[in-house]
Amino acid sequence: MEVNTEGQDTGSERGQIHFLAALLDELMRKMLATGALTQAELNEIELAAAKRVGGQPRAW
């Protein structure tokens, strides 16, 4: 277990974030495959999320 100076289990939190990211990625792929969202809509979502967290958007 990796605990930071504030007593938080950062390794566990990191694992949860990776799990949620993989789950979201799978959901977005299914929505694209079923036609629930278009590729352009997924790119818009990705861009908005990247702006919020300060990362680079992925292309769908």
C-alpha atoms as a PDB file:
ATOM      1  CA  MET A   1       0.000   0.000   0.000  1.00  0.00           C
ATOM      2  CA  GLU A   2       1.282   3.446  -0.924  1.00  0.00           C
ATOM      3  CA  VAL A   3       0.126   6.167   1.472  1.00  0.00           C
ATOM      4  CA  ASN A   4       0.864   9.837   0.943  1.00  0.00           C
ATOM      5  CA  THR A   5       1.579  12.425   3.667  1.00  0.00           C
ATOM      6  CA  GLU A   6      -2.146  12.966   4.178  1.00  0.00           C
ATOM      7  CA  GLY A   7      -2.775   9.292   4.898  1.00  0.00           C
ATOM      8  CA  GLN A   8      -4.474   8.574   1.582  1.00  0.00           C
ATOM      9  CA  ASP A   9      -3.997   5.252  -0.207  1.00  0.00           C
ATOM     10  CA  THR A  10      -2.792   6.676  -3.521  1.00  0.00           C
ATOM     11  CA  GLY A  11      -2.117   3.283  -5.109  1.00  0.00           C
ATOM     12  CA  SER A  12      -5.691   2.202  -4.505  1.00  0.00           C
ATOM     13  CA  GLU A  13      -7.034   5.487  -5.851  1.00  0.00           C
ATOM     14  CA  ARG A  14      -4.858   5.156  -8.951  1.00  0.00           C
ATOM     15  CA  GLY A  15      -6.202   1.653  -9.521  1.00  0.00           C
ATOM     16  CA  GLN A  16      -9.765   2.904  -9.228  1.00  0.00           C
ATOM     17  CA  ILE A  17      -9.098   5.694 -11.718  1.00  0.00           C
ATOM     18  CA  HIS A  18      -7.598   3.239 -14.225  1.00  0.00           C
ATOM     19  CA  PHE A  19     -10.588   0.930 -13.792  1.00  0.00           C
ATOM     20  CA  LEU A  20     -13.048   3.770 -14.359  1.00  0.00           C
ATOM     21  CA  ALA A  21     -11.105   5.016 -17.393  1.00  0.00           C
ATOM     22  CA  ALA A  22     -11.149   1.537 -18.955  1.00  0.00           C
ATOM     23  CA  LEU A  23     -14.863   1.187 -18.210  1.00  0.00           C
ATOM     24  CA  LEU A  24     -15.605   4.562 -19.788  1.00  0.00           C
ATOM     25  CA  ASP A  25     -13.498   3.706 -22.830  1.00  0.00           C
ATOM     26  CA  GLU A  26     -15.445   0.471 -23.323  1.00  0.00           C
ATOM     27  CA  LEU A  27     -18.750   2.298 -22.935  1.00  0.00           C
ATOM     28  CA  MET A  28     -17.771   4.898 -25.528  1.00  0.00           C
ATOM     29  CA  ARG A  29     -16.682   2.171 -27.974  1.00  0.00           C
ATOM     30  CA  LYS A  30     -20.030   0.386 -27.551  1.00  0.00           C
ATOM     31  CA  MET A  31     -21.935   3.626 -28.066  1.00  0.00           C
ATOM     32  CA  LEU A  32     -20.015   4.236 -31.276  1.00  0.00           C
ATOM     33  CA  ALA A  33     -20.547   0.671 -32.486  1.00  0.00           C
ATOM     34  CA  THR A  34     -24.300   0.801 -31.848  1.00  0.00           C
ATOM     35  CA  GLY A  35     -24.711   4.237 -33.391  1.00  0.00           C
ATOM     36  CA  ALA A  36     -25.801   5.879 -30.127  1.00  0.00           C
ATOM     37  CA  LEU A  37     -23.071   8.479 -30.661  1.00  0.00           C
ATOM     38  CA  THR A  38     -21.205   9.505 -33.780  1.00  0.00           C
ATOM     39  CA  GLN A  39     -17.447   9.718 -34.091  1.00  0.00           C
ATOM     40  CA  ALA A  40     -17.730  13.520 -34.151  1.00  0.00           C
ATOM     41  CA  GLU A  41     -19.742  13.491 -30.915  1.00  0.00           C
ATOM     42  CA  LEU A  42     -17.178  11.251 -29.217  1.00  0.00           C
ATOM     43  CA  ASN A  43     -14.406  13.601 -30.358  1.00  0.00           C
ATOM     44  CA  GLU A  44     -16.321  16.538 -28.827  1.00  0.00           C
ATOM     45  CA  ILE A  45     -16.671  14.660 -25.534  1.00  0.00           C
ATOM     46  CA  GLU A  46     -12.980  13.761 -25.587  1.00  0.00           C
ATOM     47  CA  LEU A  47     -11.977  17.375 -26.270  1.00  0.00           C
ATOM     48  CA  ALA A  48     -14.148  18.703 -23.429  1.00  0.00           C
ATOM     49  CA  ALA A  49     -12.740  16.117 -21.010  1.00  0.00           C
ATOM     50  CA  ALA A  50      -9.153  16.850 -22.056  1.00  0.00           C
ATOM     51  CA  LYS A  51      -9.663  20.573 -21.513  1.00  0.00           C
ATOM     52  CA  ARG A  52     -11.059  19.903 -18.053  1.00  0.00           C
ATOM     53  CA  VAL A  53      -8.153  17.768 -16.884  1.00  0.00           C
ATOM     54  CA  GLY A  54      -5.428  19.515 -18.872  1.00  0.00           C
ATOM     55  CA  GLY A  55      -4.562  16.592 -21.145  1.00  0.00           C
ATOM     56  CA  GLN A  56      -4.480  15.796 -24.824  1.00  0.00           C
ATOM     57  CA  PRO A  57      -7.708  14.532 -26.419  1.00  0.00           C
ATOM     58  CA  ARG A  58      -7.693  11.138 -28.102  1.00  0.00           C
ATOM     59  CA  ALA A  59      -9.121  10.829 -31.595  1.00  0.00           C
ATOM     60  CA  TRP A  60     -12.087   8.531 -32.062  1.00  0.00           C
END
